C-alpha atoms as a PDB file:
ATOM      1  CA  MET A   1      40.660 -40.193 -21.753  1.00  0.00           C
ATOM      2  CA  SER A   2      43.003 -38.751 -24.060  1.00  0.00           C
ATOM      3  CA  ARG A   3      44.015 -35.253 -24.097  1.00  0.00           C
ATOM      4  CA  THR A   4      42.413 -35.811 -27.649  1.00  0.00           C
ATOM      5  CA  LYS A   5      38.864 -36.801 -25.407  1.00  0.00           C
ATOM      6  CA  LEU A   6      39.030 -34.735 -23.289  1.00  0.00           C
ATOM      7  CA  ASN A   7      39.407 -31.128 -25.476  1.00  0.00           C
ATOM      8  CA  VAL A   8      36.362 -32.598 -27.649  1.00  0.00           C
ATOM      9  CA  LEU A   9      33.527 -33.314 -24.620  1.00  0.00           C
ATOM     10  CA  ALA A  10      35.333 -29.855 -23.544  1.00  0.00           C
ATOM     11  CA  LEU A  11      34.499 -27.998 -26.126  1.00  0.00           C
ATOM     12  CA  VAL A  12      31.283 -30.172 -26.749  1.00  0.00           C
ATOM     13  CA  THR A  13      30.052 -29.200 -23.774  1.00  0.00           C
ATOM     14  CA  SER A  14      30.648 -25.288 -24.077  1.00  0.00           C
ATOM     15  CA  LEU A  15      29.180 -25.081 -27.656  1.00  0.00           C
ATOM     16  CA  CYS A  16      25.683 -27.165 -25.933  1.00  0.00           C
ATOM     17  CA  LEU A  17      26.079 -24.299 -22.543  1.00  0.00           C
ATOM     18  CA  ALA A  18      26.333 -20.993 -26.055  1.00  0.00           C
ATOM     19  CA  ASP A  19      23.450 -22.988 -27.529  1.00  0.00           C
ATOM     20  CA  MET A  20      21.511 -22.659 -24.042  1.00  0.00           C
ATOM     21  CA  ALA A  21      22.203 -18.874 -23.629  1.00  0.00           C
ATOM     22  CA  ALA A  22      21.177 -18.386 -26.693  1.00  0.00           C
ATOM     23  CA  ALA A  23      17.334 -19.559 -26.671  1.00  0.00           C
ATOM     24  CA  GLY A  24      14.480 -18.105 -25.311  1.00  0.00           C
ATOM     25  CA  MET A  25      13.983 -19.305 -21.438  1.00  0.00           C
ATOM     26  CA  VAL A  26      11.263 -19.852 -19.276  1.00  0.00           C
ATOM     27  CA  PHE A  27      11.957 -19.769 -15.401  1.00  0.00           C
ATOM     28  CA  VAL A  28       9.606 -21.048 -13.427  1.00  0.00           C
ATOM     29  CA  SER A  29      10.282 -20.596  -9.076  1.00  0.00           C
ATOM     30  CA  ASN A  30       8.693 -24.540  -7.170  1.00  0.00           C
ATOM     31  CA  GLU A  31       7.866 -23.484  -3.826  1.00  0.00           C
ATOM     32  CA  ARG A  32       7.763 -27.100  -3.059  1.00  0.00           C
ATOM     33  CA  ASP A  33      10.889 -27.805  -4.595  1.00  0.00           C
ATOM     34  CA  ASN A  34      13.132 -25.880  -3.497  1.00  0.00           C
ATOM     35  CA  THR A  35      14.192 -25.359  -7.345  1.00  0.00           C
ATOM     36  CA  VAL A  36      13.251 -23.055 -10.702  1.00  0.00           C
ATOM     37  CA  THR A  37      12.994 -25.166 -13.625  1.00  0.00           C
ATOM     38  CA  VAL A  38      14.439 -23.362 -16.711  1.00  0.00           C
ATOM     39  CA  LEU A  39      12.391 -24.404 -19.735  1.00  0.00           C
ATOM     40  CA  ASP A  40      12.846 -23.539 -24.011  1.00  0.00           C
ATOM     41  CA  SER A  41      10.482 -21.021 -24.367  1.00  0.00           C
ATOM     42  CA  GLU A  42      10.109 -23.231 -28.185  1.00  0.00           C
ATOM     43  CA  THR A  43      10.273 -26.109 -27.304  1.00  0.00           C
ATOM     44  CA  LEU A  44       9.212 -26.535 -23.660  1.00  0.00           C
ATOM     45  CA  LYS A  45      11.701 -29.217 -22.701  1.00  0.00           C
ATOM     46  CA  VAL A  46      13.222 -28.746 -19.513  1.00  0.00           C
ATOM     47  CA  ILE A  47      17.025 -27.546 -19.974  1.00  0.00           C
ATOM     48  CA  LYS A  48      17.546 -27.418 -15.951  1.00  0.00           C
ATOM     49  CA  VAL A  49      16.161 -27.913 -12.638  1.00  0.00           C
ATOM     50  CA  ILE A  50      18.160 -24.878 -10.408  1.00  0.00           C
ATOM     51  CA  PRO A  51      18.212 -25.421  -6.767  1.00  0.00           C
ATOM     52  CA  THR A  52      17.527 -22.445  -4.520  1.00  0.00           C
ATOM     53  CA  GLY A  53      17.260 -21.344  -0.619  1.00  0.00           C
ATOM     54  CA  ARG A  54      14.029 -22.521   0.583  1.00  0.00           C
ATOM     55  CA  ARG A  55      10.710 -21.230  -0.247  1.00  0.00           C
ATOM     56  CA  PRO A  56      11.286 -20.035  -3.800  1.00  0.00           C
ATOM     57  CA  ARG A  57       7.865 -17.473  -4.689  1.00  0.00           C
ATOM     58  CA  GLY A  58       8.378 -14.004  -6.576  1.00  0.00           C
ATOM     59  CA  ILE A  59      11.052 -13.547  -9.719  1.00  0.00           C
ATOM     60  CA  ALA A  60      11.659 -11.354 -11.876  1.00  0.00           C
ATOM     61  CA  ILE A  61      14.527 -10.689 -14.570  1.00  0.00           C
ATOM     62  CA  THR A  62      16.778  -7.463 -14.497  1.00  0.00           C
ATOM     63  CA  PRO A  63      15.501  -5.509 -18.518  1.00  0.00           C
ATOM     64  CA  ASP A  64      19.307  -6.351 -19.168  1.00  0.00           C
ATOM     65  CA  TYR A  65      17.828 -10.712 -19.081  1.00  0.00           C
ATOM     66  CA  LYS A  66      21.424 -11.530 -17.357  1.00  0.00           C
ATOM     67  CA  GLU A  67      19.969 -12.496 -14.411  1.00  0.00           C
ATOM     68  CA  VAL A  68      16.510 -13.568 -12.947  1.00  0.00           C
ATOM     69  CA  ILE A  69      16.211 -12.308  -9.064  1.00  0.00           C
ATOM     70  CA  VAL A  70      14.076 -14.499  -7.399  1.00  0.00           C
ATOM     71  CA  CYS A  71      12.571 -14.480  -3.961  1.00  0.00           C
ATOM     72  CA  ILE A  72      13.447 -16.578  -0.859  1.00  0.00           C
ATOM     73  CA  GLY A  73      11.152 -16.765   1.613  1.00  0.00           C
ATOM     74  CA  ASP A  74      12.246 -18.927   4.703  1.00  0.00           C
ATOM     75  CA  ASP A  75      15.491 -18.006   4.347  1.00  0.00           C
ATOM     76  CA  ASN A  76      15.242 -14.129   4.377  1.00  0.00           C
ATOM     77  CA  ARG A  77      16.892 -13.289   1.159  1.00  0.00           C
ATOM     78  CA  LEU A  78      17.125 -12.760  -2.701  1.00  0.00           C
ATOM     79  CA  ASP A  79      18.707 -15.324  -4.580  1.00  0.00           C
ATOM     80  CA  VAL A  80      20.666 -14.169  -8.327  1.00  0.00           C
ATOM     81  CA  ILE A  81      20.574 -16.424 -11.097  1.00  0.00           C
ATOM     82  CA  ASP A  82      22.622 -15.778 -13.809  1.00  0.00           C
ATOM     83  CA  THR A  83      20.998 -16.685 -16.974  1.00  0.00           C
ATOM     84  CA  GLU A  84      24.116 -17.772 -18.740  1.00  0.00           C
ATOM     85  CA  LYS A  85      25.354 -19.630 -16.261  1.00  0.00           C
ATOM     86  CA  LEU A  86      21.718 -21.492 -15.184  1.00  0.00           C
ATOM     87  CA  GLU A  87      22.791 -21.642 -11.546  1.00  0.00           C
ATOM     88  CA  VAL A  88      23.036 -19.045  -8.140  1.00  0.00           C
ATOM     89  CA  VAL A  89      25.577 -16.918  -8.572  1.00  0.00           C
ATOM     90  CA  ARG A  90      24.892 -14.421  -5.471  1.00  0.00           C
ATOM     91  CA  THR A  91      22.749 -13.674  -2.580  1.00  0.00           C
ATOM     92  CA  TYR A  92      21.449 -10.495  -1.293  1.00  0.00           C
ATOM     93  CA  GLU A  93      21.147 -11.576   2.211  1.00  0.00           C
ATOM     94  CA  ALA A  94      19.643  -7.258   3.051  1.00  0.00           C
ATOM     95  CA  SER A  95      15.877  -7.776   1.284  1.00  0.00           C
ATOM     96  CA  GLY A  96      14.273  -7.849   4.502  1.00  0.00           C
ATOM     97  CA  PRO A  97      12.855 -11.052   5.936  1.00  0.00           C
ATOM     98  CA  ASP A  98      10.039 -13.442   4.184  1.00  0.00           C
ATOM     99  CA  PRO A  99      10.095 -11.720   0.828  1.00  0.00           C
ATOM    100  CA  GLU A 100       6.984 -12.563  -1.318  1.00  0.00           C
ATOM    101  CA  LEU A 101       7.663 -10.641  -4.420  1.00  0.00           C
ATOM    102  CA  LEU A 102      10.004  -8.330  -6.093  1.00  0.00           C
ATOM    103  CA  ALA A 103       9.815  -5.607  -8.868  1.00  0.00           C
ATOM    104  CA  ILE A 104      12.789  -4.068 -10.883  1.00  0.00           C
ATOM    105  CA  ASP A 105      12.556  -0.456 -12.438  1.00  0.00           C
ATOM    106  CA  ARG A 106      12.827  -0.241 -15.780  1.00  0.00           C
ATOM    107  CA  LYS A 107      16.574   0.855 -15.447  1.00  0.00           C
ATOM    108  CA  GLY A 108      17.885  -1.943 -13.961  1.00  0.00           C
ATOM    109  CA  GLU A 109      18.413   0.068 -10.775  1.00  0.00           C
ATOM    110  CA  ARG A 110      16.495  -0.908  -7.928  1.00  0.00           C
ATOM    111  CA  ILE A 111      15.039  -3.495  -6.415  1.00  0.00           C
ATOM    112  CA  TYR A 112      11.766  -3.206  -4.821  1.00  0.00           C
ATOM    113  CA  VAL A 113      10.903  -5.816  -2.190  1.00  0.00           C
ATOM    114  CA  ALA A 114       7.561  -7.109   0.135  1.00  0.00           C
ATOM    115  CA  ASN A 115       8.689  -7.970   3.420  1.00  0.00           C
ATOM    116  CA  GLU A 116       5.224 -10.377   3.842  1.00  0.00           C
ATOM    117  CA  ASP A 117       6.034 -10.812   7.818  1.00  0.00           C
ATOM    118  CA  ASP A 118       7.266  -7.228   8.651  1.00  0.00           C
ATOM    119  CA  GLY A 119       4.398  -4.900   7.246  1.00  0.00           C
ATOM    120  CA  PHE A 120       7.755  -2.773   5.508  1.00  0.00           C
ATOM    121  CA  VAL A 121       8.915  -2.666   2.087  1.00  0.00           C
ATOM    122  CA  THR A 122      12.734  -2.610   1.165  1.00  0.00           C
ATOM    123  CA  ILE A 123      14.892  -1.059  -1.473  1.00  0.00           C
ATOM    124  CA  LEU A 124      17.932  -1.953  -2.397  1.00  0.00           C
ATOM    125  CA  ASP A 125      20.601  -1.119  -4.730  1.00  0.00           C
ATOM    126  CA  LEU A 126      20.895  -3.984  -7.297  1.00  0.00           C
ATOM    127  CA  ALA A 127      24.126  -3.779  -8.549  1.00  0.00           C
ATOM    128  CA  SER A 128      25.435  -3.460  -4.894  1.00  0.00           C
ATOM    129  CA  GLY A 129      22.262  -5.901  -2.839  1.00  0.00           C
ATOM    130  CA  LYS A 130      22.523  -3.155  -0.139  1.00  0.00           C
ATOM    131  CA  ALA A 131      19.561  -1.198   1.531  1.00  0.00           C
ATOM    132  CA  LEU A 132      18.654   2.299  -0.132  1.00  0.00           C
ATOM    133  CA  ALA A 133      15.547   2.409   2.670  1.00  0.00           C
ATOM    134  CA  GLU A 134      12.798   0.563   4.418  1.00  0.00           C
ATOM    135  CA  VAL A 135       9.036   1.602   4.242  1.00  0.00           C
ATOM    136  CA  PRO A 136       6.513   0.828   6.584  1.00  0.00           C
ATOM    137  CA  VAL A 137       3.125  -0.464   4.937  1.00  0.00           C
ATOM    138  CA  GLY A 138       0.156  -1.951   5.713  1.00  0.00           C
ATOM    139  CA  VAL A 139      -0.281  -5.582   6.996  1.00  0.00           C
ATOM    140  CA  GLU A 140       1.175  -8.711   5.191  1.00  0.00           C
ATOM    141  CA  PRO A 141       2.722  -6.779   1.678  1.00  0.00           C
ATOM    142  CA  GLU A 142       2.175  -8.685  -0.699  1.00  0.00           C
ATOM    143  CA  GLY A 143       2.431  -7.224  -4.509  1.00  0.00           C
ATOM    144  CA  MET A 144       5.171  -4.715  -6.264  1.00  0.00           C
ATOM    145  CA  GLY A 145       4.056  -2.775  -9.207  1.00  0.00           C
ATOM    146  CA  VAL A 146       6.632   0.319 -10.725  1.00  0.00           C
ATOM    147  CA  SER A 147       5.548   2.888 -12.787  1.00  0.00           C
ATOM    148  CA  PRO A 148       6.435   2.644 -16.455  1.00  0.00           C
ATOM    149  CA  ASP A 149       8.421   6.239 -15.653  1.00  0.00           C
ATOM    150  CA  GLY A 150      10.008   5.083 -12.130  1.00  0.00           C
ATOM    151  CA  SER A 151       8.613   7.819 -10.355  1.00  0.00           C
ATOM    152  CA  MET A 152       6.398   5.622  -7.949  1.00  0.00           C
ATOM    153  CA  VAL A 153       5.821   2.190  -6.580  1.00  0.00           C
ATOM    154  CA  VAL A 154       3.006   0.144  -5.697  1.00  0.00           C
ATOM    155  CA  ASN A 155       2.649  -1.993  -2.796  1.00  0.00           C
ATOM    156  CA  THR A 156      -0.504  -4.186  -1.341  1.00  0.00           C
ATOM    157  CA  SER A 157      -0.944  -5.600   2.148  1.00  0.00           C
ATOM    158  CA  GLU A 158      -3.480  -8.383   1.933  1.00  0.00           C
ATOM    159  CA  GLN A 159      -4.473  -7.491   5.857  1.00  0.00           C
ATOM    160  CA  THR A 160      -5.173  -4.049   5.028  1.00  0.00           C
ATOM    161  CA  SER A 161      -6.928  -4.788   2.061  1.00  0.00           C
ATOM    162  CA  MET A 162      -4.594  -1.172   0.796  1.00  0.00           C
ATOM    163  CA  ALA A 163      -2.619  -0.167  -2.605  1.00  0.00           C
ATOM    164  CA  HIS A 164       0.096   2.098  -0.912  1.00  0.00           C
ATOM    165  CA  PHE A 165       1.594   4.470  -3.486  1.00  0.00           C
ATOM    166  CA  ILE A 166       5.038   5.223  -2.838  1.00  0.00           C
ATOM    167  CA  ASP A 167       7.475   7.873  -4.516  1.00  0.00           C
ATOM    168  CA  THR A 168      10.760   6.416  -4.944  1.00  0.00           C
ATOM    169  CA  LYS A 169      12.526   9.603  -4.923  1.00  0.00           C
ATOM    170  CA  THR A 170      11.586  10.194  -1.272  1.00  0.00           C
ATOM    171  CA  PHE A 171      10.395   7.152  -0.116  1.00  0.00           C
ATOM    172  CA  GLU A 172       7.550   9.064   1.365  1.00  0.00           C
ATOM    173  CA  VAL A 173       3.919   6.579   1.113  1.00  0.00           C
ATOM    174  CA  LYS A 174       1.608   9.364  -1.222  1.00  0.00           C
ATOM    175  CA  ALA A 175      -1.420   7.393  -0.603  1.00  0.00           C
ATOM    176  CA  ASN A 176      -3.029   4.682   0.275  1.00  0.00           C
ATOM    177  CA  VAL A 177      -6.442   3.493  -1.652  1.00  0.00           C
ATOM    178  CA  LEU A 178      -8.763   0.737  -0.040  1.00  0.00           C
ATOM    179  CA  VAL A 179      -9.311  -1.514  -2.228  1.00  0.00           C
ATOM    180  CA  ASP A 180     -11.020  -5.317  -1.065  1.00  0.00           C
ATOM    181  CA  THR A 181     -10.179  -8.259   0.861  1.00  0.00           C
ATOM    182  CA  ARG A 182      -6.693 -10.044   0.170  1.00  0.00           C
ATOM    183  CA  PRO A 183      -4.994  -8.096  -2.816  1.00  0.00           C
ATOM    184  CA  ARG A 184      -2.051  -9.623  -4.689  1.00  0.00           C
ATOM    185  CA  VAL A 185      -0.693  -8.194  -7.611  1.00  0.00           C
ATOM    186  CA  ALA A 186      -0.310  -4.016  -8.990  1.00  0.00           C
ATOM    187  CA  GLU A 187       0.135  -3.780 -12.462  1.00  0.00           C
ATOM    188  CA  TYR A 188       0.241  -0.504 -14.121  1.00  0.00           C
ATOM    189  CA  THR A 189      -0.667  -0.088 -17.782  1.00  0.00           C
ATOM    190  CA  LYS A 190       1.924   0.607 -20.318  1.00  0.00           C
ATOM    191  CA  GLN A 191      -0.077   4.039 -20.941  1.00  0.00           C
ATOM    192  CA  GLY A 192       0.763   4.557 -17.148  1.00  0.00           C
ATOM    193  CA  ASN A 193      -1.878   5.760 -15.980  1.00  0.00           C
ATOM    194  CA  GLU A 194      -3.660   3.199 -14.545  1.00  0.00           C
ATOM    195  CA  VAL A 195      -2.188   0.787 -11.595  1.00  0.00           C
ATOM    196  CA  TRP A 196      -4.635  -2.634 -11.996  1.00  0.00           C
ATOM    197  CA  VAL A 197      -4.874  -4.494  -8.308  1.00  0.00           C
ATOM    198  CA  SER A 198      -6.173  -7.904  -7.907  1.00  0.00           C
ATOM    199  CA  ALA A 199      -8.130  -8.993  -4.688  1.00  0.00           C
ATOM    200  CA  GLU A 200      -7.166 -12.510  -4.318  1.00  0.00           C
ATOM    201  CA  VAL A 201     -10.323 -13.012  -1.325  1.00  0.00           C
ATOM    202  CA  GLY A 202     -12.762  -9.903  -2.623  1.00  0.00           C
ATOM    203  CA  GLY A 203     -12.550 -11.696  -6.405  1.00  0.00           C
ATOM    204  CA  THR A 204     -12.290  -8.177  -8.110  1.00  0.00           C
ATOM    205  CA  VAL A 205      -9.449  -6.321 -10.050  1.00  0.00           C
ATOM    206  CA  ALA A 206     -10.027  -2.889  -8.988  1.00  0.00           C
ATOM    207  CA  ILE A 207      -8.121  -0.107 -11.408  1.00  0.00           C
ATOM    208  CA  ILE A 208      -6.870   2.578  -9.949  1.00  0.00           C
ATOM    209  CA  ASP A 209      -6.276   6.553 -11.609  1.00  0.00           C
ATOM    210  CA  ALA A 210      -2.903   6.335 -11.151  1.00  0.00           C
ATOM    211  CA  LYS A 211      -2.899  10.372 -10.466  1.00  0.00           C
ATOM    212  CA  THR A 212      -5.844  10.979  -8.300  1.00  0.00           C
ATOM    213  CA  PHE A 213      -5.225   7.209  -6.689  1.00  0.00           C
ATOM    214  CA  GLU A 214      -9.328   6.819  -7.279  1.00  0.00           C
ATOM    215  CA  ILE A 215     -10.644   4.490  -7.718  1.00  0.00           C
ATOM    216  CA  LYS A 216     -12.287   4.119 -11.667  1.00  0.00           C
ATOM    217  CA  GLN A 217     -14.175   0.770 -11.522  1.00  0.00           C
ATOM    218  CA  LYS A 218     -13.839  -2.780 -10.053  1.00  0.00           C
ATOM    219  CA  LEU A 219     -14.048  -5.621 -12.861  1.00  0.00           C
ATOM    220  CA  VAL A 220     -15.748  -8.727 -11.040  1.00  0.00           C
ATOM    221  CA  PHE A 221     -15.889 -12.053 -12.448  1.00  0.00           C
ATOM    222  CA  GLU A 222     -18.551 -14.568 -13.746  1.00  0.00           C
ATOM    223  CA  ILE A 223     -17.775 -17.730 -14.707  1.00  0.00           C
ATOM    224  CA  PRO A 224     -20.833 -19.670 -15.561  1.00  0.00           C
ATOM    225  CA  GLY A 225     -20.732 -22.910 -13.298  1.00  0.00           C
ATOM    226  CA  ILE A 226     -18.337 -21.581 -11.188  1.00  0.00           C
ATOM    227  CA  ARG A 227     -18.933 -20.845  -7.621  1.00  0.00           C
ATOM    228  CA  PRO A 228     -18.262 -17.190  -7.282  1.00  0.00           C
ATOM    229  CA  GLU A 229     -16.148 -18.180  -3.932  1.00  0.00           C
ATOM    230  CA  LEU A 230     -13.795 -20.181  -6.304  1.00  0.00           C
ATOM    231  CA  VAL A 231     -12.918 -16.767  -8.158  1.00  0.00           C
ATOM    232  CA  GLN A 232     -10.032 -15.370  -7.265  1.00  0.00           C
ATOM    233  CA  PRO A 233      -7.894 -13.301  -9.108  1.00  0.00           C
ATOM    234  CA  ILE A 234      -4.185 -12.882  -8.719  1.00  0.00           C
ATOM    235  CA  GLY A 235      -1.569 -12.443 -11.436  1.00  0.00           C
ATOM    236  CA  ILE A 236      -1.731  -9.043 -14.013  1.00  0.00           C
ATOM    237  CA  ARG A 237      -0.552  -9.052 -17.270  1.00  0.00           C
ATOM    238  CA  PHE A 238      -0.244  -6.379 -20.591  1.00  0.00           C
ATOM    239  CA  THR A 239       0.088  -6.911 -24.234  1.00  0.00           C
ATOM    240  CA  LEU A 240       3.266  -4.901 -25.631  1.00  0.00           C
ATOM    241  CA  ASP A 241       0.158  -2.628 -27.327  1.00  0.00           C
ATOM    242  CA  GLY A 242      -0.977  -2.534 -24.412  1.00  0.00           C
ATOM    243  CA  LYS A 243      -5.074  -3.119 -24.948  1.00  0.00           C
ATOM    244  CA  THR A 244      -5.495  -6.311 -23.578  1.00  0.00           C
ATOM    245  CA  ALA A 245      -4.904  -7.588 -19.876  1.00  0.00           C
ATOM    246  CA  PHE A 246      -4.622 -11.134 -18.793  1.00  0.00           C
ATOM    247  CA  VAL A 247      -5.741 -11.985 -15.132  1.00  0.00           C
ATOM    248  CA  ALA A 248      -5.624 -15.276 -13.578  1.00  0.00           C
ATOM    249  CA  LEU A 249      -8.152 -16.503 -11.587  1.00  0.00           C
ATOM    250  CA  GLY A 250      -6.911 -18.650  -9.251  1.00  0.00           C
ATOM    251  CA  PRO A 251      -9.323 -21.950  -7.982  1.00  0.00           C
ATOM    252  CA  ALA A 252     -11.269 -21.215 -11.435  1.00  0.00           C
ATOM    253  CA  ASN A 253      -8.754 -22.617 -13.137  1.00  0.00           C
ATOM    254  CA  ARG A 254      -9.448 -20.258 -16.155  1.00  0.00           C
ATOM    255  CA  VAL A 255      -7.241 -16.955 -17.267  1.00  0.00           C
ATOM    256  CA  ALA A 256      -9.478 -13.905 -17.917  1.00  0.00           C
ATOM    257  CA  VAL A 257      -9.041 -11.565 -20.827  1.00  0.00           C
ATOM    258  CA  ILE A 258      -9.730  -8.060 -20.963  1.00  0.00           C
ATOM    259  CA  ASP A 259      -9.809  -4.842 -23.082  1.00  0.00           C
ATOM    260  CA  VAL A 260      -7.957  -2.060 -21.526  1.00  0.00           C
ATOM    261  CA  GLU A 261     -10.033   0.674 -23.139  1.00  0.00           C
ATOM    262  CA  THR A 262     -13.251  -0.175 -22.348  1.00  0.00           C
ATOM    263  CA  HIS A 263     -12.802  -3.025 -19.405  1.00  0.00           C
ATOM    264  CA  LYS A 264     -14.386  -4.888 -20.691  1.00  0.00           C
ATOM    265  CA  ILE A 265     -14.010  -8.958 -19.850  1.00  0.00           C
ATOM    266  CA  ARG A 266     -13.494 -10.887 -23.715  1.00  0.00           C
ATOM    267  CA  ASP A 267     -12.837 -13.898 -22.407  1.00  0.00           C
ATOM    268  CA  TYR A 268     -11.854 -16.797 -20.182  1.00  0.00           C
ATOM    269  CA  ILE A 269      -9.602 -19.500 -21.281  1.00  0.00           C
ATOM    270  CA  LEU A 270      -9.393 -22.425 -19.692  1.00  0.00           C
ATOM    271  CA  VAL A 271      -6.004 -23.621 -18.576  1.00  0.00           C
ATOM    272  CA  GLY A 272      -5.020 -25.849 -15.179  1.00  0.00           C
ATOM    273  CA  GLN A 273      -5.540 -26.426 -12.058  1.00  0.00           C
ATOM    274  CA  ARG A 274      -5.369 -22.755  -9.475  1.00  0.00           C
ATOM    275  CA  PRO A 275      -2.953 -20.177 -12.265  1.00  0.00           C
ATOM    276  CA  TRP A 276      -1.365 -18.342 -10.024  1.00  0.00           C
ATOM    277  CA  HIS A 277       1.020 -15.856 -11.565  1.00  0.00           C
ATOM    278  CA  ILE A 278       1.185 -15.091 -15.466  1.00  0.00           C
ATOM    279  CA  ASP A 279       3.586 -13.937 -17.436  1.00  0.00           C
ATOM    280  CA  LEU A 280       4.301 -12.338 -21.587  1.00  0.00           C
ATOM    281  CA  LYS A 281       6.933 -13.610 -23.663  1.00  0.00           C
ATOM    282  CA  PRO A 282       9.116 -10.510 -24.600  1.00  0.00           C
ATOM    283  CA  ASP A 283       7.899 -11.188 -28.425  1.00  0.00           C
ATOM    284  CA  GLY A 284       4.385 -10.864 -27.389  1.00  0.00           C
ATOM    285  CA  THR A 285       2.877 -13.803 -28.635  1.00  0.00           C
ATOM    286  CA  LYS A 286       2.595 -16.257 -25.329  1.00  0.00           C
ATOM    287  CA  ILE A 287       0.623 -15.850 -21.331  1.00  0.00           C
ATOM    288  CA  TYR A 288       2.856 -18.475 -19.728  1.00  0.00           C
ATOM    289  CA  ALA A 289       0.572 -19.519 -16.070  1.00  0.00           C
ATOM    290  CA  ALA A 290       1.741 -21.623 -13.372  1.00  0.00           C
ATOM    291  CA  ASN A 291      -0.688 -23.550 -12.653  1.00  0.00           C
ATOM    292  CA  GLY A 292      -0.051 -24.144  -8.625  1.00  0.00           C
ATOM    293  CA  LEU A 293      -2.442 -27.432  -7.813  1.00  0.00           C
ATOM    294  CA  THR A 294      -0.895 -29.500 -11.274  1.00  0.00           C
ATOM    295  CA  ASN A 295       2.739 -28.760 -10.680  1.00  0.00           C
ATOM    296  CA  ASP A 296       3.049 -27.693 -14.235  1.00  0.00           C
ATOM    297  CA  MET A 297       2.664 -24.582 -16.696  1.00  0.00           C
ATOM    298  CA  THR A 298       0.102 -23.008 -19.300  1.00  0.00           C
ATOM    299  CA  ILE A 299       1.058 -21.627 -22.294  1.00  0.00           C
ATOM    300  CA  ILE A 300      -1.745 -19.114 -23.788  1.00  0.00           C
ATOM    301  CA  ASP A 301      -0.939 -18.020 -27.411  1.00  0.00           C
ATOM    302  CA  VAL A 302      -2.276 -13.918 -27.081  1.00  0.00           C
ATOM    303  CA  ALA A 303      -3.248 -14.279 -31.140  1.00  0.00           C
ATOM    304  CA  THR A 304      -6.231 -16.588 -30.943  1.00  0.00           C
ATOM    305  CA  LEU A 305      -6.694 -16.707 -27.273  1.00  0.00           C
ATOM    306  CA  LYS A 306      -6.323 -20.208 -27.018  1.00  0.00           C
ATOM    307  CA  ALA A 307      -4.515 -22.583 -24.797  1.00  0.00           C
ATOM    308  CA  GLU A 308      -1.695 -24.535 -26.949  1.00  0.00           C
ATOM    309  CA  LYS A 309       0.044 -27.069 -24.178  1.00  0.00           C
ATOM    310  CA  THR A 310       0.782 -27.730 -20.529  1.00  0.00           C
ATOM    311  CA  VAL A 311       3.854 -29.297 -19.571  1.00  0.00           C
ATOM    312  CA  GLN A 312       4.886 -30.407 -16.139  1.00  0.00           C
ATOM    313  CA  VAL A 313       7.441 -28.384 -13.584  1.00  0.00           C
ATOM    314  CA  GLY A 314       8.247 -28.583  -9.951  1.00  0.00           C
ATOM    315  CA  ARG A 315       5.687 -28.838  -7.254  1.00  0.00           C
ATOM    316  CA  LEU A 316       3.363 -25.786  -6.453  1.00  0.00           C
ATOM    317  CA  PRO A 317       4.803 -23.791  -9.186  1.00  0.00           C
ATOM    318  CA  TRP A 318       4.544 -20.355  -7.887  1.00  0.00           C
ATOM    319  CA  GLY A 319       6.469 -17.127 -10.487  1.00  0.00           C
ATOM    320  CA  ILE A 320       7.400 -16.972 -13.876  1.00  0.00           C
ATOM    321  CA  ALA A 321       9.739 -14.786 -15.492  1.00  0.00           C
ATOM    322  CA  VAL A 322      11.328 -14.866 -19.250  1.00  0.00           C
ATOM    323  CA  LYS A 323      13.942 -14.670 -21.225  1.00  0.00           C
ATOM    324  CA  PRO A 324      14.053 -13.586 -25.549  1.00  0.00           C
END
């Protein structure tokens, strides 16, 4: 091939990569495939499938949207994906054993990691990847949620059925709140006054006062024609205005819609089989749900509360992170 043709090819490749980097993207971790599927958030076409370590699960994007960080459970590390290069550019080996879920503070300074097999929360410096602390919590820690002001982080422990409130300055556990069986996700409301904790086996969402650590209410989901044991709350996300919550209900194949002020359930949206984790598009217009048993992702329109489309991803999709 001539030098001119090579130069043209290089230019075209460069422009294509620039276009991909500029486009909004959805990153889906595929637990069984050891990959992350990247889709264009507008066309919903697959841009790339990125190989990762073994058993990728929890996934989060940094506040500057430059990197996606993935929990690699069976390799005891975190993989860091560059959102322009669309490849793993480094790993954090100090994440602790069997990382399952993680959260990043709003300043982009720290990563909080739940170590499922070790009963610890590992706190990492995001820039260096060095461990700052290991905080002992309950058995099988899973969910991680950071308060809007960054002063508190909440971990859920599946076997202990508790939400653990950790001071991010002292790394001390300030409160242990008993919730229902097998808690999965902890999510602060936009105002920061409540923490919502989903209990997979208990079938509820506990709403906890963020100051007093008291449970204000437990949401119970009743879907006509669905057996109660199939209603298993997992992922939680709030709209940008903080007025509406979406909760993935696992084998019930639904995403619940809840009024945050009144705590009333407004609707149930039918999606794929076993929606697990969900995420909100940064402009607030769409909710994306990873459906573990149908190997796909459902896109929900926030304004109409309608499932618009379902697209295939990898095998056993688990977590979702979205770049604008």
